[in-house]
């Protein structure tokens, strides 16, 4: 079942097997296609977005069953929204284990993989696959 809902509040009847969390972000990875982002973003927007990402990630983690998988995605190239967000998450959640994405695309990070717009002639994205363990 595919569902769209407010990720800061949605609670399923039972814990779920899989969550694809396309987190709200600064969209810095798509600036080449949307150059107006540079004009529309303010420095305070990033801090607010990072906090919202954390709230959503923490809440969605509670909805995932043990053994389930969460895929965290952004269209950002900022470490604060990606790798640093994951570093904080793993530090606060000992029941989380990264599942390394074995791929020939992107750049392996401490946690997750980063696609850069220049390197792949596409948009910049970040992916981190996480399994909930006991």
N, C-alpha and C. Protein backbone atom coordinates (compact mmCIF):
# COMPACT_ATOMS: atom_id res chain seq x y z
N UNK A 1 0.84 -1.17 0.00
CA UNK A 1 0.00 0.00 0.00
C UNK A 1 0.89 1.24 0.00
N UNK A 2 0.59 2.17 -0.86
CA UNK A 2 1.31 3.44 -0.92
C UNK A 2 0.44 4.49 -0.26
N UNK A 3 1.06 5.30 0.59
CA UNK A 3 0.31 6.26 1.38
C UNK A 3 1.03 7.59 1.42
N UNK A 4 0.29 8.67 1.31
CA UNK A 4 0.83 10.02 1.51
C UNK A 4 0.17 10.58 2.76
N UNK A 5 0.97 11.06 3.70
CA UNK A 5 0.42 11.56 4.96
C UNK A 5 1.40 12.53 5.60
N UNK A 6 0.96 13.21 6.65
CA UNK A 6 1.84 14.08 7.43
C UNK A 6 2.79 13.19 8.22
N UNK A 7 4.03 13.17 7.83
CA UNK A 7 5.00 12.23 8.40
C UNK A 7 5.39 12.57 9.83
N UNK A 8 5.02 13.74 10.32
CA UNK A 8 5.31 14.07 11.72
C UNK A 8 4.24 13.52 12.66
N UNK A 9 3.10 13.07 12.09
CA UNK A 9 1.99 12.62 12.92
C UNK A 9 1.43 11.25 12.57
N UNK A 10 1.62 10.78 11.36
CA UNK A 10 0.99 9.54 10.91
C UNK A 10 1.43 8.35 11.75
N UNK A 11 0.45 7.57 12.16
CA UNK A 11 0.71 6.35 12.92
C UNK A 11 -0.14 5.24 12.32
N UNK A 12 0.49 4.16 11.86
CA UNK A 12 -0.28 3.05 11.29
C UNK A 12 -0.92 2.20 12.39
N UNK A 13 -1.88 1.38 12.00
CA UNK A 13 -2.52 0.47 12.96
C UNK A 13 -1.49 -0.52 13.53
N UNK A 14 -0.55 -0.93 12.70
CA UNK A 14 0.53 -1.84 13.10
C UNK A 14 1.84 -1.31 12.54
N UNK A 15 2.96 -1.64 13.17
CA UNK A 15 4.25 -1.24 12.61
C UNK A 15 4.40 -1.76 11.18
N UNK A 16 5.11 -1.00 10.35
CA UNK A 16 5.23 -1.33 8.93
C UNK A 16 6.58 -1.96 8.60
N UNK A 17 6.63 -2.67 7.46
CA UNK A 17 7.84 -3.37 7.00
C UNK A 17 8.86 -2.44 6.36
N UNK A 18 8.37 -1.43 5.65
CA UNK A 18 9.27 -0.61 4.83
C UNK A 18 8.75 0.83 4.76
N UNK A 19 9.67 1.77 4.87
CA UNK A 19 9.33 3.18 4.72
C UNK A 19 10.32 3.80 3.75
N UNK A 20 9.81 4.49 2.73
CA UNK A 20 10.65 5.29 1.85
C UNK A 20 10.40 6.74 2.27
N UNK A 21 11.39 7.32 2.91
CA UNK A 21 11.26 8.67 3.45
C UNK A 21 12.00 9.65 2.54
N UNK A 22 11.25 10.27 1.64
CA UNK A 22 11.78 11.31 0.76
C UNK A 22 11.63 12.61 1.54
N UNK A 23 12.63 12.91 2.35
CA UNK A 23 12.54 13.99 3.32
C UNK A 23 12.52 15.37 2.66
N UNK A 24 11.76 16.29 3.24
CA UNK A 24 11.81 17.67 2.75
C UNK A 24 13.25 18.17 2.93
N UNK A 25 13.73 18.95 1.96
CA UNK A 25 15.13 19.38 2.04
C UNK A 25 15.32 20.72 1.35
N UNK A 26 16.55 21.17 1.34
CA UNK A 26 16.91 22.45 0.72
C UNK A 26 16.84 22.42 -0.80
N UNK A 27 16.82 21.22 -1.37
CA UNK A 27 16.79 21.02 -2.83
C UNK A 27 18.06 21.53 -3.51
N UNK A 28 19.16 21.58 -2.78
CA UNK A 28 20.42 22.04 -3.37
C UNK A 28 20.93 21.10 -4.47
N UNK A 29 20.44 19.88 -4.49
CA UNK A 29 20.85 18.94 -5.51
C UNK A 29 20.19 19.16 -6.86
N UNK A 30 19.18 20.02 -6.91
CA UNK A 30 18.48 20.26 -8.18
C UNK A 30 18.61 21.72 -8.64
N UNK A 31 19.57 22.44 -8.07
CA UNK A 31 19.76 23.85 -8.42
C UNK A 31 20.04 24.04 -9.91
N UNK A 32 20.73 23.10 -10.54
CA UNK A 32 21.04 23.26 -11.97
C UNK A 32 19.77 23.35 -12.80
N UNK A 33 18.70 22.67 -12.36
CA UNK A 33 17.42 22.73 -13.08
C UNK A 33 16.51 23.82 -12.55
N UNK A 34 16.74 24.23 -11.31
CA UNK A 34 15.90 25.24 -10.66
C UNK A 34 16.80 26.30 -10.01
N UNK A 35 17.44 27.14 -10.80
CA UNK A 35 18.38 28.12 -10.25
C UNK A 35 17.75 29.13 -9.30
N UNK A 36 16.43 29.28 -9.36
CA UNK A 36 15.75 30.21 -8.46
C UNK A 36 15.86 29.79 -6.99
N UNK A 37 16.23 28.55 -6.74
CA UNK A 37 16.39 28.06 -5.36
C UNK A 37 17.41 28.94 -4.63
N UNK A 38 18.45 29.36 -5.33
CA UNK A 38 19.47 30.21 -4.71
C UNK A 38 18.88 31.52 -4.20
N UNK A 39 17.90 32.03 -4.90
CA UNK A 39 17.28 33.29 -4.52
C UNK A 39 16.21 33.11 -3.45
N UNK A 40 15.57 31.96 -3.46
CA UNK A 40 14.44 31.73 -2.56
C UNK A 40 14.84 31.22 -1.18
N UNK A 41 16.02 30.63 -1.05
CA UNK A 41 16.45 30.05 0.23
C UNK A 41 17.16 31.09 1.08
N UNK A 42 16.91 31.01 2.39
CA UNK A 42 17.62 31.83 3.35
C UNK A 42 18.37 30.90 4.30
N UNK A 43 19.39 31.41 4.95
CA UNK A 43 20.19 30.56 5.84
C UNK A 43 19.34 29.94 6.94
N UNK A 44 18.33 30.64 7.41
CA UNK A 44 17.47 30.09 8.47
C UNK A 44 16.61 28.94 7.96
N UNK A 45 16.35 28.91 6.66
CA UNK A 45 15.55 27.82 6.08
C UNK A 45 16.24 26.47 6.28
N UNK A 46 17.55 26.44 6.14
CA UNK A 46 18.29 25.19 6.25
C UNK A 46 18.16 24.62 7.66
N UNK A 47 18.36 25.45 8.67
CA UNK A 47 18.25 24.99 10.06
C UNK A 47 16.85 24.46 10.35
N UNK A 48 15.83 25.15 9.87
CA UNK A 48 14.45 24.70 10.08
C UNK A 48 14.19 23.39 9.35
N UNK A 49 14.72 23.26 8.16
CA UNK A 49 14.54 22.02 7.38
C UNK A 49 15.23 20.85 8.06
N UNK A 50 16.42 21.07 8.58
CA UNK A 50 17.15 20.01 9.28
C UNK A 50 16.36 19.54 10.49
N UNK A 51 15.78 20.46 11.22
CA UNK A 51 14.98 20.09 12.40
C UNK A 51 13.73 19.32 11.98
N UNK A 52 13.06 19.74 10.91
CA UNK A 52 11.89 19.02 10.42
C UNK A 52 12.27 17.61 9.96
N UNK A 53 13.39 17.49 9.26
CA UNK A 53 13.87 16.16 8.85
C UNK A 53 14.05 15.25 10.06
N UNK A 54 14.66 15.79 11.10
CA UNK A 54 14.90 15.00 12.31
C UNK A 54 13.59 14.57 12.95
N UNK A 55 12.63 15.48 13.04
CA UNK A 55 11.32 15.14 13.61
C UNK A 55 10.66 14.02 12.81
N UNK A 56 10.66 14.15 11.50
CA UNK A 56 10.04 13.14 10.65
C UNK A 56 10.76 11.80 10.77
N UNK A 57 12.08 11.83 10.69
CA UNK A 57 12.87 10.61 10.79
C UNK A 57 12.63 9.91 12.12
N UNK A 58 12.67 10.66 13.21
CA UNK A 58 12.43 10.07 14.53
C UNK A 58 11.03 9.47 14.64
N UNK A 59 10.03 10.18 14.13
CA UNK A 59 8.66 9.68 14.21
C UNK A 59 8.46 8.45 13.32
N UNK A 60 8.96 8.50 12.11
CA UNK A 60 8.81 7.36 11.20
C UNK A 60 9.56 6.13 11.72
N UNK A 61 10.68 6.34 12.39
CA UNK A 61 11.43 5.22 12.95
C UNK A 61 10.57 4.45 13.95
N UNK A 62 9.75 5.15 14.69
CA UNK A 62 8.87 4.52 15.67
C UNK A 62 7.77 3.69 15.00
N UNK A 63 7.48 3.97 13.74
CA UNK A 63 6.41 3.26 13.02
C UNK A 63 6.92 2.01 12.31
N UNK A 64 8.22 1.81 12.31
CA UNK A 64 8.85 0.69 11.60
C UNK A 64 8.97 -0.52 12.52
N UNK A 65 8.62 -1.69 12.00
CA UNK A 65 8.74 -2.90 12.81
C UNK A 65 10.19 -3.37 12.88
N UNK A 66 10.51 -4.14 13.90
CA UNK A 66 11.84 -4.72 14.02
C UNK A 66 12.09 -5.60 12.80
N UNK A 67 13.23 -5.44 12.18
CA UNK A 67 13.56 -6.15 10.94
C UNK A 67 13.18 -5.36 9.70
N UNK A 68 12.41 -4.29 9.88
CA UNK A 68 11.99 -3.46 8.76
C UNK A 68 13.09 -2.55 8.26
N UNK A 69 12.85 -1.96 7.10
CA UNK A 69 13.84 -1.12 6.43
C UNK A 69 13.27 0.27 6.16
N UNK A 70 14.09 1.28 6.41
CA UNK A 70 13.75 2.66 6.09
C UNK A 70 14.80 3.18 5.12
N UNK A 71 14.35 3.75 4.02
CA UNK A 71 15.25 4.38 3.05
C UNK A 71 15.08 5.88 3.17
N UNK A 72 16.13 6.55 3.62
CA UNK A 72 16.13 8.01 3.80
C UNK A 72 16.73 8.64 2.54
N UNK A 73 15.99 9.58 1.95
CA UNK A 73 16.40 10.19 0.68
C UNK A 73 16.23 11.71 0.77
N UNK A 74 17.20 12.43 0.21
CA UNK A 74 17.01 13.87 -0.01
C UNK A 74 17.55 14.22 -1.40
N UNK A 75 17.11 15.36 -1.91
CA UNK A 75 17.70 15.89 -3.15
C UNK A 75 18.62 17.05 -2.78
N UNK A 76 19.38 16.82 -1.73
CA UNK A 76 20.31 17.81 -1.22
C UNK A 76 21.74 17.32 -1.36
N UNK A 77 22.67 18.27 -1.44
CA UNK A 77 24.09 17.92 -1.42
C UNK A 77 24.75 18.43 -0.13
N UNK A 78 23.95 18.94 0.80
CA UNK A 78 24.49 19.48 2.05
C UNK A 78 24.69 18.36 3.07
N UNK A 79 25.88 18.26 3.62
CA UNK A 79 26.18 17.22 4.61
C UNK A 79 25.26 17.33 5.83
N UNK A 80 24.88 18.55 6.21
CA UNK A 80 24.03 18.73 7.38
C UNK A 80 22.67 18.05 7.22
N UNK A 81 22.18 17.96 5.99
CA UNK A 81 20.89 17.32 5.74
C UNK A 81 21.04 15.82 5.48
N UNK A 82 22.24 15.39 5.25
CA UNK A 82 22.47 14.02 4.82
C UNK A 82 23.33 13.26 5.82
N UNK A 83 24.61 13.22 5.57
CA UNK A 83 25.52 12.42 6.39
C UNK A 83 25.48 12.83 7.87
N UNK A 84 25.47 14.12 8.15
CA UNK A 84 25.42 14.56 9.55
C UNK A 84 24.08 14.22 10.19
N UNK A 85 23.01 14.30 9.42
CA UNK A 85 21.69 13.90 9.94
C UNK A 85 21.72 12.43 10.33
N UNK A 86 22.35 11.61 9.49
CA UNK A 86 22.45 10.18 9.78
C UNK A 86 23.38 9.90 10.95
N UNK A 87 24.46 10.65 11.08
CA UNK A 87 25.37 10.46 12.22
C UNK A 87 24.62 10.70 13.53
N UNK A 88 23.83 11.74 13.58
CA UNK A 88 23.02 12.02 14.77
C UNK A 88 22.01 10.91 14.99
N UNK A 89 21.35 10.48 13.93
CA UNK A 89 20.33 9.44 14.04
C UNK A 89 20.92 8.14 14.60
N UNK A 90 22.04 7.69 14.04
CA UNK A 90 22.65 6.44 14.50
C UNK A 90 23.16 6.57 15.93
N UNK A 91 23.65 7.73 16.31
CA UNK A 91 24.12 7.95 17.69
C UNK A 91 22.97 7.86 18.68
N UNK A 92 21.78 8.29 18.27
CA UNK A 92 20.62 8.30 19.16
C UNK A 92 19.79 7.03 19.09
N UNK A 93 20.04 6.16 18.12
CA UNK A 93 19.22 4.96 17.92
C UNK A 93 20.10 3.71 17.81
N UNK A 94 20.43 3.11 18.96
CA UNK A 94 21.26 1.91 18.92
C UNK A 94 20.58 0.72 18.23
N UNK A 95 19.27 0.83 18.00
CA UNK A 95 18.53 -0.24 17.31
C UNK A 95 18.49 -0.01 15.80
N UNK A 96 19.36 0.87 15.31
CA UNK A 96 19.45 1.15 13.87
C UNK A 96 20.77 0.64 13.32
N UNK A 97 20.70 0.00 12.16
CA UNK A 97 21.89 -0.53 11.50
C UNK A 97 21.85 -0.11 10.04
N UNK A 98 22.93 0.49 9.58
CA UNK A 98 22.98 0.86 8.17
C UNK A 98 23.15 -0.38 7.31
N UNK A 99 22.39 -0.44 6.24
CA UNK A 99 22.58 -1.46 5.22
C UNK A 99 23.32 -0.76 4.08
N UNK A 100 24.58 -1.10 3.90
CA UNK A 100 25.39 -0.44 2.87
C UNK A 100 24.76 -0.65 1.49
N UNK A 101 24.70 0.40 0.72
CA UNK A 101 24.19 0.33 -0.64
C UNK A 101 25.39 0.03 -1.54
N UNK A 102 25.45 -1.19 -2.02
CA UNK A 102 26.55 -1.61 -2.89
C UNK A 102 26.20 -1.22 -4.32
N UNK A 103 26.80 -0.13 -4.77
CA UNK A 103 26.44 0.39 -6.10
C UNK A 103 27.67 1.00 -6.76
N UNK A 104 27.59 1.14 -8.07
CA UNK A 104 28.69 1.78 -8.79
C UNK A 104 28.37 3.25 -9.08
N UNK A 105 27.34 3.77 -8.47
CA UNK A 105 26.99 5.17 -8.63
C UNK A 105 27.19 5.90 -7.30
N UNK A 106 27.41 7.17 -7.40
CA UNK A 106 27.52 7.99 -6.20
C UNK A 106 28.83 7.79 -5.45
N UNK A 107 28.94 8.51 -4.35
CA UNK A 107 30.13 8.48 -3.51
C UNK A 107 29.74 7.92 -2.16
N UNK A 108 30.42 6.87 -1.74
CA UNK A 108 30.13 6.28 -0.43
C UNK A 108 30.52 7.29 0.65
N UNK A 109 29.62 7.47 1.61
CA UNK A 109 29.85 8.36 2.74
C UNK A 109 30.02 7.50 4.00
N UNK A 110 30.29 8.13 5.13
CA UNK A 110 30.34 7.38 6.39
C UNK A 110 29.04 6.61 6.54
N UNK A 111 27.93 7.28 6.27
CA UNK A 111 26.61 6.65 6.20
C UNK A 111 25.98 7.08 4.88
N UNK A 112 25.51 6.13 4.11
CA UNK A 112 24.78 6.43 2.88
C UNK A 112 25.68 6.67 1.68
N UNK A 113 25.01 7.07 0.58
CA UNK A 113 25.70 7.39 -0.68
C UNK A 113 25.20 8.73 -1.19
N UNK A 114 26.13 9.52 -1.72
CA UNK A 114 25.82 10.84 -2.24
C UNK A 114 26.04 10.88 -3.74
N UNK A 115 25.04 11.30 -4.47
CA UNK A 115 25.18 11.60 -5.90
C UNK A 115 25.40 13.10 -6.03
N UNK A 116 26.39 13.48 -6.81
CA UNK A 116 26.64 14.90 -7.06
C UNK A 116 26.18 15.26 -8.46
N UNK A 117 25.59 16.43 -8.65
CA UNK A 117 25.06 16.79 -9.96
C UNK A 117 26.11 16.81 -11.07
N UNK A 118 27.29 17.33 -10.81
CA UNK A 118 28.29 17.44 -11.86
C UNK A 118 28.80 16.07 -12.30
N UNK A 119 29.02 15.18 -11.35
CA UNK A 119 29.65 13.89 -11.64
C UNK A 119 28.76 12.97 -12.48
N UNK A 120 27.46 12.98 -12.23
CA UNK A 120 26.58 12.05 -12.93
C UNK A 120 25.69 12.72 -13.98
N UNK A 121 25.92 13.99 -14.27
CA UNK A 121 25.13 14.74 -15.24
C UNK A 121 23.64 14.68 -14.94
N UNK A 122 23.32 14.60 -13.69
CA UNK A 122 21.93 14.59 -13.24
C UNK A 122 21.82 15.42 -11.98
N UNK A 123 20.82 15.15 -11.20
CA UNK A 123 20.60 15.88 -9.97
C UNK A 123 21.42 15.27 -8.83
N UNK A 124 21.58 16.05 -7.78
CA UNK A 124 22.26 15.57 -6.58
C UNK A 124 21.25 14.93 -5.64
N UNK A 125 21.56 13.75 -5.16
CA UNK A 125 20.69 13.03 -4.23
C UNK A 125 21.53 12.35 -3.16
N UNK A 126 20.89 12.03 -2.06
CA UNK A 126 21.52 11.29 -0.98
C UNK A 126 20.59 10.15 -0.60
N UNK A 127 21.17 8.98 -0.33
CA UNK A 127 20.40 7.80 0.06
C UNK A 127 21.08 7.13 1.25
N UNK A 128 20.29 6.70 2.22
CA UNK A 128 20.81 5.89 3.31
C UNK A 128 19.74 4.85 3.66
N UNK A 129 20.14 3.59 3.62
CA UNK A 129 19.23 2.48 3.90
C UNK A 129 19.50 1.98 5.32
N UNK A 130 18.44 1.89 6.12
CA UNK A 130 18.57 1.58 7.54
C UNK A 130 17.65 0.43 7.92
N UNK A 131 18.17 -0.50 8.69
CA UNK A 131 17.35 -1.61 9.19
C UNK A 131 17.17 -1.45 10.69
N UNK A 132 15.95 -1.73 11.14
CA UNK A 132 15.66 -1.69 12.58
C UNK A 132 15.97 -3.06 13.17
N UNK A 133 16.88 -3.07 14.14
CA UNK A 133 17.26 -4.31 14.80
C UNK A 133 16.76 -4.31 16.23
N UNK A 134 16.87 -5.45 16.89
CA UNK A 134 16.38 -5.57 18.27
C UNK A 134 17.22 -4.73 19.19
